[in-house]
PDB file of N, CA and C in Angstrom:
ATOM      1  N   MET A   1      69.203  37.202  -7.157  1.00  0.00           N
ATOM      2  CA  MET A   1      68.538  36.047  -6.783  1.00  0.00           C
ATOM      3  C   MET A   1      67.988  35.406  -8.041  1.00  0.00           C
ATOM      4  N   ALA A   2      68.256  34.206  -8.287  1.00  0.00           N
ATOM      5  CA  ALA A   2      67.790  33.630  -9.527  1.00  0.00           C
ATOM      6  C   ALA A   2      66.463  32.820  -9.238  1.00  0.00           C
ATOM      7  N   THR A   3      65.594  33.082 -10.106  1.00  0.00           N
ATOM      8  CA  THR A   3      64.373  32.309 -10.003  1.00  0.00           C
ATOM      9  C   THR A   3      64.281  31.212 -11.075  1.00  0.00           C
ATOM     10  N   SER A   4      63.642  30.155 -10.676  1.00  0.00           N
ATOM     11  CA  SER A   4      63.544  29.182 -11.706  1.00  0.00           C
ATOM     12  C   SER A   4      62.020  28.854 -11.790  1.00  0.00           C
ATOM     13  N   SER A   5      61.557  28.569 -12.991  1.00  0.00           N
ATOM     14  CA  SER A   5      60.207  28.164 -13.217  1.00  0.00           C
ATOM     15  C   SER A   5      60.115  26.786 -13.738  1.00  0.00           C
ATOM     16  N   ILE A   6      59.151  26.081 -13.245  1.00  0.00           N
ATOM     17  CA  ILE A   6      58.906  24.778 -13.809  1.00  0.00           C
ATOM     18  C   ILE A   6      57.685  24.765 -14.625  1.00  0.00           C
ATOM     19  N   THR A   7      57.691  24.334 -15.801  1.00  0.00           N
ATOM     20  CA  THR A   7      56.528  24.229 -16.547  1.00  0.00           C
ATOM     21  C   THR A   7      56.017  22.873 -16.595  1.00  0.00           C
ATOM     22  N   THR A   8      54.762  22.632 -17.134  1.00  0.00           N
ATOM     23  CA  THR A   8      54.099  21.381 -17.051  1.00  0.00           C
ATOM     24  C   THR A   8      54.902  20.342 -17.991  1.00  0.00           C
ATOM     25  N   THR A   9      55.598  20.872 -19.016  1.00  0.00           N
ATOM     26  CA  THR A   9      56.251  19.877 -19.788  1.00  0.00           C
ATOM     27  C   THR A   9      57.561  19.498 -19.269  1.00  0.00           C
ATOM     28  N   ALA A  10      58.036  19.963 -18.058  1.00  0.00           N
ATOM     29  CA  ALA A  10      59.221  19.604 -17.400  1.00  0.00           C
ATOM     30  C   ALA A  10      59.112  18.283 -16.810  1.00  0.00           C
ATOM     31  N   PHE A  11      57.775  17.797 -16.572  1.00  0.00           N
ATOM     32  CA  PHE A  11      57.604  16.386 -16.047  1.00  0.00           C
ATOM     33  C   PHE A  11      57.656  15.559 -17.177  1.00  0.00           C
ATOM     34  N   ILE A  12      57.850  14.216 -16.843  1.00  0.00           N
ATOM     35  CA  ILE A  12      57.906  13.178 -17.949  1.00  0.00           C
ATOM     36  C   ILE A  12      56.714  13.095 -18.573  1.00  0.00           C
ATOM     37  N   GLY A  13      56.701  13.395 -19.905  1.00  0.00           N
ATOM     38  CA  GLY A  13      55.466  13.325 -20.774  1.00  0.00           C
ATOM     39  C   GLY A  13      54.551  14.458 -20.660  1.00  0.00           C
ATOM     40  N   GLY A  14      54.810  15.437 -19.756  1.00  0.00           N
ATOM     41  CA  GLY A  14      53.959  16.623 -19.665  1.00  0.00           C
ATOM     42  C   GLY A  14      52.740  16.216 -18.825  1.00  0.00           C
ATOM     43  N   LEU A  15      52.048  17.256 -18.257  1.00  0.00           N
ATOM     44  CA  LEU A  15      50.806  16.932 -17.432  1.00  0.00           C
ATOM     45  C   LEU A  15      49.671  16.608 -18.199  1.00  0.00           C
ATOM     46  N   GLY A  16      49.484  17.028 -19.356  1.00  0.00           N
ATOM     47  CA  GLY A  16      48.429  16.655 -20.226  1.00  0.00           C
ATOM     48  C   GLY A  16      48.408  15.170 -20.822  1.00  0.00           C
ATOM     49  N   SER A  17      49.672  14.736 -21.066  1.00  0.00           N
ATOM     50  CA  SER A  17      49.824  13.448 -21.712  1.00  0.00           C
ATOM     51  C   SER A  17      49.622  12.400 -20.640  1.00  0.00           C
ATOM     52  N   CYS A  18      49.737  12.579 -19.248  1.00  0.00           N
ATOM     53  CA  CYS A  18      49.521  11.546 -18.387  1.00  0.00           C
ATOM     54  C   CYS A  18      48.111  11.065 -18.275  1.00  0.00           C
ATOM     55  N   PHE A  19      47.092  11.900 -18.664  1.00  0.00           N
ATOM     56  CA  PHE A  19      45.820  11.491 -18.681  1.00  0.00           C
ATOM     57  C   PHE A  19      45.334  10.688 -19.890  1.00  0.00           C
ATOM     58  N   THR A  20      46.044  10.923 -20.967  1.00  0.00           N
ATOM     59  CA  THR A  20      45.573  10.202 -22.094  1.00  0.00           C
ATOM     60  C   THR A  20      46.434   9.127 -22.605  1.00  0.00           C
ATOM     61  N   THR A  21      47.615   8.935 -22.134  1.00  0.00           N
ATOM     62  CA  THR A  21      48.450   7.852 -22.548  1.00  0.00           C
ATOM     63  C   THR A  21      48.964   6.884 -21.461  1.00  0.00           C
ATOM     64  N   GLY A  22      48.328   7.057 -20.360  1.00  0.00           N
ATOM     65  CA  GLY A  22      48.803   6.128 -19.293  1.00  0.00           C
ATOM     66  C   GLY A  22      48.117   4.790 -19.413  1.00  0.00           C
ATOM     67  N   ASP A  23      48.487   3.832 -18.597  1.00  0.00           N
ATOM     68  CA  ASP A  23      48.149   2.518 -18.698  1.00  0.00           C
ATOM     69  C   ASP A  23      46.628   2.404 -18.325  1.00  0.00           C
ATOM     70  N   ASP A  24      46.152   3.291 -17.451  1.00  0.00           N
ATOM     71  CA  ASP A  24      44.795   3.157 -16.825  1.00  0.00           C
ATOM     72  C   ASP A  24      43.706   3.834 -17.796  1.00  0.00           C
ATOM     73  N   TYR A  25      44.183   4.473 -18.839  1.00  0.00           N
ATOM     74  CA  TYR A  25      43.233   5.149 -19.793  1.00  0.00           C
ATOM     75  C   TYR A  25      42.306   4.342 -20.432  1.00  0.00           C
ATOM     76  N   PRO A  26      42.558   3.202 -20.946  1.00  0.00           N
ATOM     77  CA  PRO A  26      41.520   2.309 -21.648  1.00  0.00           C
ATOM     78  C   PRO A  26      40.515   1.772 -20.671  1.00  0.00           C
ATOM     79  N   MET A  27      41.049   1.470 -19.537  1.00  0.00           N
ATOM     80  CA  MET A  27      40.147   0.973 -18.448  1.00  0.00           C
ATOM     81  C   MET A  27      39.168   2.016 -17.924  1.00  0.00           C
ATOM     82  N   LEU A  28      39.749   3.300 -17.814  1.00  0.00           N
ATOM     83  CA  LEU A  28      38.972   4.400 -17.444  1.00  0.00           C
ATOM     84  C   LEU A  28      37.863   4.758 -18.457  1.00  0.00           C
ATOM     85  N   MET A  29      38.185   4.650 -19.672  1.00  0.00           N
ATOM     86  CA  MET A  29      37.044   4.905 -20.724  1.00  0.00           C
ATOM     87  C   MET A  29      36.024   3.713 -20.700  1.00  0.00           C
ATOM     88  N   LYS A  30      36.324   2.596 -20.537  1.00  0.00           N
ATOM     89  CA  LYS A  30      35.426   1.428 -20.454  1.00  0.00           C
ATOM     90  C   LYS A  30      34.387   1.658 -19.255  1.00  0.00           C
ATOM     91  N   SER A  31      34.881   2.265 -18.181  1.00  0.00           N
ATOM     92  CA  SER A  31      33.946   2.381 -16.974  1.00  0.00           C
ATOM     93  C   SER A  31      32.984   3.455 -17.232  1.00  0.00           C
ATOM     94  N   PHE A  32      33.125   4.412 -18.135  1.00  0.00           N
ATOM     95  CA  PHE A  32      32.133   5.401 -18.400  1.00  0.00           C
ATOM     96  C   PHE A  32      31.298   5.071 -19.603  1.00  0.00           C
ATOM     97  N   PRO A  33      29.952   5.217 -19.602  1.00  0.00           N
ATOM     98  CA  PRO A  33      29.089   4.916 -20.799  1.00  0.00           C
ATOM     99  C   PRO A  33      29.505   5.954 -21.877  1.00  0.00           C
ATOM    100  N   GLY A  34      29.122   5.623 -23.051  1.00  0.00           N
ATOM    101  CA  GLY A  34      29.457   6.512 -24.242  1.00  0.00           C
ATOM    102  C   GLY A  34      28.696   7.834 -24.062  1.00  0.00           C
ATOM    103  N   GLN A  35      27.511   7.748 -23.660  1.00  0.00           N
ATOM    104  CA  GLN A  35      26.723   8.964 -23.563  1.00  0.00           C
ATOM    105  C   GLN A  35      26.295   9.260 -21.995  1.00  0.00           C
ATOM    106  N   ALA A  36      26.300  10.411 -21.640  1.00  0.00           N
ATOM    107  CA  ALA A  36      25.988  10.648 -20.306  1.00  0.00           C
ATOM    108  C   ALA A  36      24.428  10.351 -20.115  1.00  0.00           C
ATOM    109  N   GLN A  37      24.167   9.753 -18.973  1.00  0.00           N
ATOM    110  CA  GLN A  37      22.752   9.417 -18.659  1.00  0.00           C
ATOM    111  C   GLN A  37      22.223  10.576 -17.811  1.00  0.00           C
ATOM    112  N   VAL A  38      21.252  11.221 -18.374  1.00  0.00           N
ATOM    113  CA  VAL A  38      20.530  12.308 -17.690  1.00  0.00           C
ATOM    114  C   VAL A  38      19.304  11.717 -16.951  1.00  0.00           C
ATOM    115  N   PRO A  39      19.225  11.872 -15.621  1.00  0.00           N
ATOM    116  CA  PRO A  39      18.013  11.338 -15.047  1.00  0.00           C
ATOM    117  C   PRO A  39      16.775  12.005 -15.450  1.00  0.00           C
ATOM    118  N   ARG A  40      15.691  11.270 -15.714  1.00  0.00           N
ATOM    119  CA  ARG A  40      14.440  11.829 -16.142  1.00  0.00           C
ATOM    120  C   ARG A  40      13.688  12.235 -14.883  1.00  0.00           C
ATOM    121  N   LYS A  41      12.770  13.292 -15.108  1.00  0.00           N
ATOM    122  CA  LYS A  41      11.865  13.717 -14.143  1.00  0.00           C
ATOM    123  C   LYS A  41      10.859  12.636 -13.836  1.00  0.00           C
ATOM    124  N   PRO A  42      10.516  12.328 -12.648  1.00  0.00           N
ATOM    125  CA  PRO A  42       9.392  11.328 -12.556  1.00  0.00           C
ATOM    126  C   PRO A  42       8.176  11.786 -12.974  1.00  0.00           C
ATOM    127  N   ILE A  43       7.401  10.956 -13.698  1.00  0.00           N
ATOM    128  CA  ILE A  43       6.068  11.271 -14.292  1.00  0.00           C
ATOM    129  C   ILE A  43       5.092  11.672 -13.194  1.00  0.00           C
ATOM    130  N   ARG A  44       4.482  12.712 -13.102  1.00  0.00           N
ATOM    131  CA  ARG A  44       3.585  13.098 -12.017  1.00  0.00           C
ATOM    132  C   ARG A  44       2.123  12.334 -12.385  1.00  0.00           C
ATOM    133  N   ALA A  45       1.685  11.899 -11.371  1.00  0.00           N
ATOM    134  CA  ALA A  45       0.270  11.230 -11.565  1.00  0.00           C
ATOM    135  C   ALA A  45      -0.792  12.233 -11.702  1.00  0.00           C
ATOM    136  N   GLN A  46      -1.761  11.864 -12.467  1.00  0.00           N
ATOM    137  CA  GLN A  46      -2.893  12.696 -12.757  1.00  0.00           C
ATOM    138  C   GLN A  46      -3.631  12.888 -11.469  1.00  0.00           C
ATOM    139  N   PRO A  47      -4.065  14.184 -11.188  1.00  0.00           N
ATOM    140  CA  PRO A  47      -4.844  14.289  -9.944  1.00  0.00           C
ATOM    141  C   PRO A  47      -6.171  13.675 -10.120  1.00  0.00           C
ATOM    142  N   MET A  48      -6.871  13.099  -9.073  1.00  0.00           N
ATOM    143  CA  MET A  48      -8.074  12.530  -9.092  1.00  0.00           C
ATOM    144  C   MET A  48      -9.081  13.456  -8.728  1.00  0.00           C
ATOM    145  N   MET A  49     -10.119  13.551  -9.447  1.00  0.00           N
ATOM    146  CA  MET A  49     -11.221  14.518  -9.137  1.00  0.00           C
ATOM    147  C   MET A  49     -12.250  13.640  -8.268  1.00  0.00           C
ATOM    148  N   LYS A  50     -11.961  13.694  -6.972  1.00  0.00           N
ATOM    149  CA  LYS A  50     -12.764  12.973  -5.979  1.00  0.00           C
ATOM    150  C   LYS A  50     -13.259  13.964  -4.974  1.00  0.00           C
ATOM    151  N   ASN A  51     -14.524  13.659  -4.557  1.00  0.00           N
ATOM    152  CA  ASN A  51     -15.179  14.563  -3.495  1.00  0.00           C
ATOM    153  C   ASN A  51     -14.440  14.316  -2.118  1.00  0.00           C
ATOM    154  N   VAL A  52     -13.926  15.297  -1.508  1.00  0.00           N
ATOM    155  CA  VAL A  52     -13.322  15.220  -0.244  1.00  0.00           C
ATOM    156  C   VAL A  52     -14.181  14.895   0.911  1.00  0.00           C
ATOM    157  N   ASN A  53     -15.541  15.097   0.655  1.00  0.00           N
ATOM    158  CA  ASN A  53     -16.453  14.817   1.778  1.00  0.00           C
ATOM    159  C   ASN A  53     -17.082  13.530   1.480  1.00  0.00           C
ATOM    160  N   GLU A  54     -16.708  12.674   0.634  1.00  0.00           N
ATOM    161  CA  GLU A  54     -17.384  11.375   0.461  1.00  0.00           C
ATOM    162  C   GLU A  54     -17.058  10.475   1.586  1.00  0.00           C
ATOM    163  N   GLY A  55     -18.137   9.999   2.160  1.00  0.00           N
ATOM    164  CA  GLY A  55     -17.979   9.007   3.253  1.00  0.00           C
ATOM    165  C   GLY A  55     -17.945   9.726   4.654  1.00  0.00           C
ATOM    166  N   LYS A  56     -18.086  11.137   4.618  1.00  0.00           N
ATOM    167  CA  LYS A  56     -18.049  11.892   5.938  1.00  0.00           C
ATOM    168  C   LYS A  56     -19.403  12.410   6.114  1.00  0.00           C
ATOM    169  N   GLY A  57     -19.907  12.291   7.337  1.00  0.00           N
ATOM    170  CA  GLY A  57     -21.118  12.963   7.751  1.00  0.00           C
ATOM    171  C   GLY A  57     -22.270  11.869   7.878  1.00  0.00           C
ATOM    172  N   LEU A  58     -23.298  12.209   8.613  1.00  0.00           N
ATOM    173  CA  LEU A  58     -24.366  11.407   8.967  1.00  0.00           C
ATOM    174  C   LEU A  58     -25.050  10.905   7.764  1.00  0.00           C
ATOM    175  N   PHE A  59     -25.398  11.810   6.868  1.00  0.00           N
ATOM    176  CA  PHE A  59     -26.101  11.594   5.603  1.00  0.00           C
ATOM    177  C   PHE A  59     -25.323  11.091   4.314  1.00  0.00           C
ATOM    178  N   ALA A  60     -24.077  11.004   4.467  1.00  0.00           N
ATOM    179  CA  ALA A  60     -23.203  10.681   3.346  1.00  0.00           C
ATOM    180  C   ALA A  60     -23.543   9.369   2.725  1.00  0.00           C
ATOM    181  N   PRO A  61     -23.643   8.191   3.559  1.00  0.00           N
ATOM    182  CA  PRO A  61     -24.084   7.024   2.920  1.00  0.00           C
ATOM    183  C   PRO A  61     -25.391   7.007   2.041  1.00  0.00           C
ATOM    184  N   LEU A  62     -26.325   7.719   2.576  1.00  0.00           N
ATOM    185  CA  LEU A  62     -27.561   7.869   1.817  1.00  0.00           C
ATOM    186  C   LEU A  62     -27.318   8.664   0.636  1.00  0.00           C
ATOM    187  N   VAL A  63     -26.642   9.718   0.647  1.00  0.00           N
ATOM    188  CA  VAL A  63     -26.324  10.522  -0.560  1.00  0.00           C
ATOM    189  C   VAL A  63     -25.563   9.669  -1.623  1.00  0.00           C
ATOM    190  N   VAL A  64     -24.539   8.921  -1.174  1.00  0.00           N
ATOM    191  CA  VAL A  64     -23.800   8.145  -2.157  1.00  0.00           C
ATOM    192  C   VAL A  64     -24.679   7.113  -2.823  1.00  0.00           C
ATOM    193  N   VAL A  65     -25.527   6.380  -2.067  1.00  0.00           N
ATOM    194  CA  VAL A  65     -26.410   5.472  -2.619  1.00  0.00           C
ATOM    195  C   VAL A  65     -27.324   6.011  -3.675  1.00  0.00           C
ATOM    196  N   THR A  66     -27.910   7.183  -3.238  1.00  0.00           N
ATOM    197  CA  THR A  66     -28.919   7.833  -4.067  1.00  0.00           C
ATOM    198  C   THR A  66     -28.155   8.169  -5.324  1.00  0.00           C
ATOM    199  N   ARG A  67     -27.047   8.793  -5.343  1.00  0.00           N
ATOM    200  CA  ARG A  67     -26.226   9.141  -6.584  1.00  0.00           C
ATOM    201  C   ARG A  67     -25.996   7.948  -7.439  1.00  0.00           C
ATOM    202  N   ASP A  68     -25.628   6.826  -6.756  1.00  0.00           N
ATOM    203  CA  ASP A  68     -25.439   5.604  -7.600  1.00  0.00           C
ATOM    204  C   ASP A  68     -26.629   5.141  -8.312  1.00  0.00           C
ATOM    205  N   ILE A  69     -27.732   5.263  -7.692  1.00  0.00           N
ATOM    206  CA  ILE A  69     -28.993   4.805  -8.237  1.00  0.00           C
ATOM    207  C   ILE A  69     -29.514   5.715  -9.293  1.00  0.00           C
ATOM    208  N   VAL A  70     -29.595   7.010  -9.028  1.00  0.00           N
ATOM    209  CA  VAL A  70     -30.108   7.971  -9.979  1.00  0.00           C
ATOM    210  C   VAL A  70     -29.178   8.248 -11.081  1.00  0.00           C
ATOM    211  N   GLY A  71     -27.912   8.255 -10.855  1.00  0.00           N
ATOM    212  CA  GLY A  71     -26.953   8.634 -11.922  1.00  0.00           C
ATOM    213  C   GLY A  71     -26.361  10.026 -11.563  1.00  0.00           C
ATOM    214  N   LYS A  72     -25.119  10.278 -11.864  1.00  0.00           N
ATOM    215  CA  LYS A  72     -24.465  11.533 -11.501  1.00  0.00           C
ATOM    216  C   LYS A  72     -25.118  12.776 -12.046  1.00  0.00           C
ATOM    217  N   LYS A  73     -25.454  12.750 -13.278  1.00  0.00           N
ATOM    218  CA  LYS A  73     -26.027  13.892 -13.974  1.00  0.00           C
ATOM    219  C   LYS A  73     -27.258  14.253 -13.420  1.00  0.00           C
ATOM    220  N   ARG A  74     -28.270  13.305 -13.252  1.00  0.00           N
ATOM    221  CA  ARG A  74     -29.511  13.612 -12.706  1.00  0.00           C
ATOM    222  C   ARG A  74     -29.385  14.062 -11.317  1.00  0.00           C
ATOM    223  N   PHE A  75     -28.528  13.260 -10.454  1.00  0.00           N
ATOM    224  CA  PHE A  75     -28.364  13.624  -9.054  1.00  0.00           C
ATOM    225  C   PHE A  75     -27.821  15.154  -8.934  1.00  0.00           C
ATOM    226  N   ASN A  76     -26.856  15.557  -9.796  1.00  0.00           N
ATOM    227  CA  ASN A  76     -26.418  16.916  -9.636  1.00  0.00           C
ATOM    228  C   ASN A  76     -27.388  17.934 -10.000  1.00  0.00           C
ATOM    229  N   GLN A  77     -28.438  17.577 -10.974  1.00  0.00           N
ATOM    230  CA  GLN A  77     -29.477  18.544 -11.269  1.00  0.00           C
ATOM    231  C   GLN A  77     -30.350  18.630 -10.031  1.00  0.00           C
ATOM    232  N   LEU A  78     -30.747  17.486  -9.447  1.00  0.00           N
ATOM    233  CA  LEU A  78     -31.535  17.549  -8.223  1.00  0.00           C
ATOM    234  C   LEU A  78     -30.915  18.226  -7.128  1.00  0.00           C
ATOM    235  N   ARG A  79     -29.601  18.051  -6.907  1.00  0.00           N
ATOM    236  CA  ARG A  79     -28.908  18.742  -5.800  1.00  0.00           C
ATOM    237  C   ARG A  79     -28.959  20.228  -6.051  1.00  0.00           C
ATOM    238  N   GLY A  80     -28.643  20.689  -7.302  1.00  0.00           N
ATOM    239  CA  GLY A  80     -28.697  22.017  -7.620  1.00  0.00           C
ATOM    240  C   GLY A  80     -30.041  22.730  -7.408  1.00  0.00           C
ATOM    241  N   LYS A  81     -31.163  21.988  -7.657  1.00  0.00           N
ATOM    242  CA  LYS A  81     -32.405  22.549  -7.432  1.00  0.00           C
ATOM    243  C   LYS A  81     -32.704  22.548  -5.912  1.00  0.00           C
ATOM    244  N   ALA A  82     -32.223  21.701  -5.177  1.00  0.00           N
ATOM    245  CA  ALA A  82     -32.419  21.602  -3.713  1.00  0.00           C
ATOM    246  C   ALA A  82     -31.706  22.801  -3.030  1.00  0.00           C
ATOM    247  N   ILE A  83     -30.418  23.033  -3.523  1.00  0.00           N
ATOM    248  CA  ILE A  83     -29.603  24.166  -2.975  1.00  0.00           C
ATOM    249  C   ILE A  83     -30.232  25.478  -3.374  1.00  0.00           C
ATOM    250  N   ALA A  84     -30.768  25.728  -4.645  1.00  0.00           N
ATOM    251  CA  ALA A  84     -31.502  26.818  -5.007  1.00  0.00           C
ATOM    252  C   ALA A  84     -32.750  27.211  -4.134  1.00  0.00           C
ATOM    253  N   LEU A  85     -33.488  26.022  -3.885  1.00  0.00           N
ATOM    254  CA  LEU A  85     -34.685  26.201  -3.077  1.00  0.00           C
ATOM    255  C   LEU A  85     -34.252  26.607  -1.617  1.00  0.00           C
ATOM    256  N   HIS A  86     -33.295  26.052  -1.123  1.00  0.00           N
ATOM    257  CA  HIS A  86     -32.857  26.268   0.280  1.00  0.00           C
ATOM    258  C   HIS A  86     -32.371  27.714   0.350  1.00  0.00           C
ATOM    259  N   SER A  87     -31.635  28.268  -0.635  1.00  0.00           N
ATOM    260  CA  SER A  87     -31.145  29.613  -0.708  1.00  0.00           C
ATOM    261  C   SER A  87     -32.403  30.539  -0.755  1.00  0.00           C
ATOM    262  N   GLN A  88     -33.522  30.116  -1.585  1.00  0.00           N
ATOM    263  CA  GLN A  88     -34.652  31.014  -1.567  1.00  0.00           C
ATOM    264  C   GLN A  88     -35.337  31.080  -0.263  1.00  0.00           C
ATOM    265  N   VAL A  89     -35.349  30.006   0.551  1.00  0.00           N
ATOM    266  CA  VAL A  89     -36.009  29.915   1.829  1.00  0.00           C
ATOM    267  C   VAL A  89     -35.231  30.942   2.793  1.00  0.00           C
ATOM    268  N   ILE A  90     -33.874  30.737   2.689  1.00  0.00           N
ATOM    269  CA  ILE A  90     -32.988  31.609   3.557  1.00  0.00           C
ATOM    270  C   ILE A  90     -33.246  33.105   3.243  1.00  0.00           C
ATOM    271  N   THR A  91     -33.398  33.445   1.933  1.00  0.00           N
ATOM    272  CA  THR A  91     -33.621  34.809   1.532  1.00  0.00           C
ATOM    273  C   THR A  91     -34.962  35.268   2.025  1.00  0.00           C
ATOM    274  N   GLU A  92     -36.023  34.472   1.927  1.00  0.00           N
ATOM    275  CA  GLU A  92     -37.333  34.805   2.462  1.00  0.00           C
ATOM    276  C   GLU A  92     -37.212  35.025   3.894  1.00  0.00           C
ATOM    277  N   PHE A  93     -36.581  34.192   4.618  1.00  0.00           N
ATOM    278  CA  PHE A  93     -36.427  34.341   6.023  1.00  0.00           C
ATOM    279  C   PHE A  93     -35.742  35.652   6.355  1.00  0.00           C
ATOM    280  N   CYS A  94     -34.602  35.921   5.658  1.00  0.00           N
ATOM    281  CA  CYS A  94     -33.911  37.173   5.890  1.00  0.00           C
ATOM    282  C   CYS A  94     -34.799  38.462   5.618  1.00  0.00           C
ATOM    283  N   LYS A  95     -35.623  38.383   4.645  1.00  0.00           N
ATOM    284  CA  LYS A  95     -36.572  39.587   4.378  1.00  0.00           C
ATOM    285  C   LYS A  95     -37.600  39.648   5.472  1.00  0.00           C
ATOM    286  N   SER A  96     -38.007  38.517   6.123  1.00  0.00           N
ATOM    287  CA  SER A  96     -39.042  38.559   7.141  1.00  0.00           C
ATOM    288  C   SER A  96     -38.450  39.131   8.357  1.00  0.00           C
ATOM    289  N   ILE A  97     -37.257  38.877   8.720  1.00  0.00           N
ATOM    290  CA  ILE A  97     -36.666  39.473   9.984  1.00  0.00           C
ATOM    291  C   ILE A  97     -35.925  40.682   9.713  1.00  0.00           C
ATOM    292  N   GLY A  98     -35.772  41.129   8.466  1.00  0.00           N
ATOM    293  CA  GLY A  98     -35.107  42.447   8.241  1.00  0.00           C
ATOM    294  C   GLY A  98     -33.693  42.302   8.200  1.00  0.00           C
ATOM    295  N   ALA A  99     -33.058  41.206   7.859  1.00  0.00           N
ATOM    296  CA  ALA A  99     -31.567  41.136   7.748  1.00  0.00           C
ATOM    297  C   ALA A  99     -31.076  41.680   6.318  1.00  0.00           C
ATOM    298  N   ASP A 100     -29.905  42.241   6.375  1.00  0.00           N
ATOM    299  CA  ASP A 100     -29.354  42.759   5.243  1.00  0.00           C
ATOM    300  C   ASP A 100     -28.697  41.679   4.413  1.00  0.00           C
ATOM    301  N   ALA A 101     -28.148  42.139   3.239  1.00  0.00           N
ATOM    302  CA  ALA A 101     -27.522  41.109   2.259  1.00  0.00           C
ATOM    303  C   ALA A 101     -26.339  40.395   2.955  1.00  0.00           C
ATOM    304  N   LYS A 102     -25.549  41.086   3.599  1.00  0.00           N
ATOM    305  CA  LYS A 102     -24.359  40.461   4.222  1.00  0.00           C
ATOM    306  C   LYS A 102     -24.731  39.491   5.269  1.00  0.00           C
ATOM    307  N   GLN A 103     -25.739  39.655   5.996  1.00  0.00           N
ATOM    308  CA  GLN A 103     -26.138  38.633   6.895  1.00  0.00           C
ATOM    309  C   GLN A 103     -26.754  37.435   6.235  1.00  0.00           C
ATOM    310  N   ARG A 104     -27.574  37.601   5.011  1.00  0.00           N
ATOM    311  CA  ARG A 104     -28.051  36.638   4.308  1.00  0.00           C
ATOM    312  C   ARG A 104     -27.002  35.773   3.603  1.00  0.00           C
ATOM    313  N   GLN A 105     -25.938  36.417   3.208  1.00  0.00           N
ATOM    314  CA  GLN A 105     -24.837  35.678   2.545  1.00  0.00           C
ATOM    315  C   GLN A 105     -24.127  34.797   3.619  1.00  0.00           C
ATOM    316  N   GLY A 106     -23.983  35.308   4.757  1.00  0.00           N
ATOM    317  CA  GLY A 106     -23.475  34.636   6.012  1.00  0.00           C
ATOM    318  C   GLY A 106     -24.208  33.381   6.321  1.00  0.00           C
ATOM    319  N   LEU A 107     -25.481  33.466   6.295  1.00  0.00           N
ATOM    320  CA  LEU A 107     -26.470  32.355   6.514  1.00  0.00           C
ATOM    321  C   LEU A 107     -26.357  31.310   5.454  1.00  0.00           C
ATOM    322  N   ILE A 108     -26.152  31.718   4.234  1.00  0.00           N
ATOM    323  CA  ILE A 108     -26.048  30.732   3.132  1.00  0.00           C
ATOM    324  C   ILE A 108     -24.651  30.022   3.269  1.00  0.00           C
ATOM    325  N   ARG A 109     -23.553  30.788   3.579  1.00  0.00           N
ATOM    326  CA  ARG A 109     -22.364  30.084   3.834  1.00  0.00           C
ATOM    327  C   ARG A 109     -22.424  29.073   5.003  1.00  0.00           C
ATOM    328  N   LEU A 110     -23.103  29.528   6.055  1.00  0.00           N
ATOM    329  CA  LEU A 110     -23.306  28.593   7.236  1.00  0.00           C
ATOM    330  C   LEU A 110     -24.052  27.264   6.905  1.00  0.00           C
ATOM    331  N   ALA A 111     -25.088  27.498   5.973  1.00  0.00           N
ATOM    332  CA  ALA A 111     -25.954  26.346   5.575  1.00  0.00           C
ATOM    333  C   ALA A 111     -24.944  25.419   4.751  1.00  0.00           C
ATOM    334  N   LYS A 112     -24.053  25.915   3.896  1.00  0.00           N
ATOM    335  CA  LYS A 112     -23.221  25.043   3.170  1.00  0.00           C
ATOM    336  C   LYS A 112     -22.298  24.261   4.066  1.00  0.00           C
ATOM    337  N   LYS A 113     -21.642  24.966   5.051  1.00  0.00           N
ATOM    338  CA  LYS A 113     -20.842  24.327   6.024  1.00  0.00           C
ATOM    339  C   LYS A 113     -21.508  23.223   6.709  1.00  0.00           C
ATOM    340  N   ASN A 114     -22.763  23.486   7.098  1.00  0.00           N
ATOM    341  CA  ASN A 114     -23.547  22.480   7.812  1.00  0.00           C
ATOM    342  C   ASN A 114     -23.783  21.257   7.002  1.00  0.00           C
ATOM    343  N   GLY A 115     -24.084  21.633   5.703  1.00  0.00           N
ATOM    344  CA  GLY A 115     -24.376  20.603   4.733  1.00  0.00           C
ATOM    345  C   GLY A 115     -23.237  19.592   4.564  1.00  0.00           C
ATOM    346  N   GLU A 116     -21.958  20.325   4.534  1.00  0.00           N
ATOM    347  CA  GLU A 116     -20.716  19.483   4.351  1.00  0.00           C
ATOM    348  C   GLU A 116     -20.630  18.620   5.594  1.00  0.00           C
ATOM    349  N   LYS A 117     -20.811  19.127   6.757  1.00  0.00           N
ATOM    350  CA  LYS A 117     -20.522  18.311   8.022  1.00  0.00           C
ATOM    351  C   LYS A 117     -21.546  17.233   8.112  1.00  0.00           C
ATOM    352  N   LEU A 118     -22.722  17.458   7.688  1.00  0.00           N
ATOM    353  CA  LEU A 118     -23.837  16.311   7.738  1.00  0.00           C
ATOM    354  C   LEU A 118     -23.632  15.283   6.615  1.00  0.00           C
ATOM    355  N   GLY A 119     -22.959  15.636   5.610  1.00  0.00           N
ATOM    356  CA  GLY A 119     -22.813  14.706   4.528  1.00  0.00           C
ATOM    357  C   GLY A 119     -23.722  14.916   3.333  1.00  0.00           C
ATOM    358  N   PHE A 120     -24.406  16.036   3.299  1.00  0.00           N
ATOM    359  CA  PHE A 120     -25.233  16.257   2.127  1.00  0.00           C
ATOM    360  C   PHE A 120     -24.413  16.589   0.893  1.00  0.00           C
ATOM    361  N   LEU A 121     -23.270  16.975   0.928  1.00  0.00           N
ATOM    362  CA  LEU A 121     -22.400  17.261  -0.246  1.00  0.00           C
ATOM    363  C   LEU A 121     -21.408  16.211  -0.629  1.00  0.00           C
ATOM    364  N   ALA A 122     -21.713  14.972  -0.035  1.00  0.00           N
ATOM    365  CA  ALA A 122     -20.908  13.749  -0.375  1.00  0.00           C
ATOM    366  C   ALA A 122     -21.010  13.350  -1.786  1.00  0.00           C
TER     367      ALA A 122
END
């Protein structure tokens, strides 16, 4: 049984030449830009450092107005002193009722959550 093989050159002009010498080659090359366009990553916006509690809670408007009047630096100093005093009051209360350190820590966390809900941390 005889087998015959057909090579790519058996076709007119060969397989490779049909892509480079055809009538459509110049038009095909014009349709593609000279350099490949690589899409750029979108530029990520800078995250804003904003208080998530601003505007929430009963006392939030008062806290925001006070911060604007006093200034952020002085306001944060006063807030820090108030939080420290409140933690001392909680600690003294825990000593008077005989609560351990774990219960005291739980009360301080509860005070922080309540402060957030009421708007003191706005």
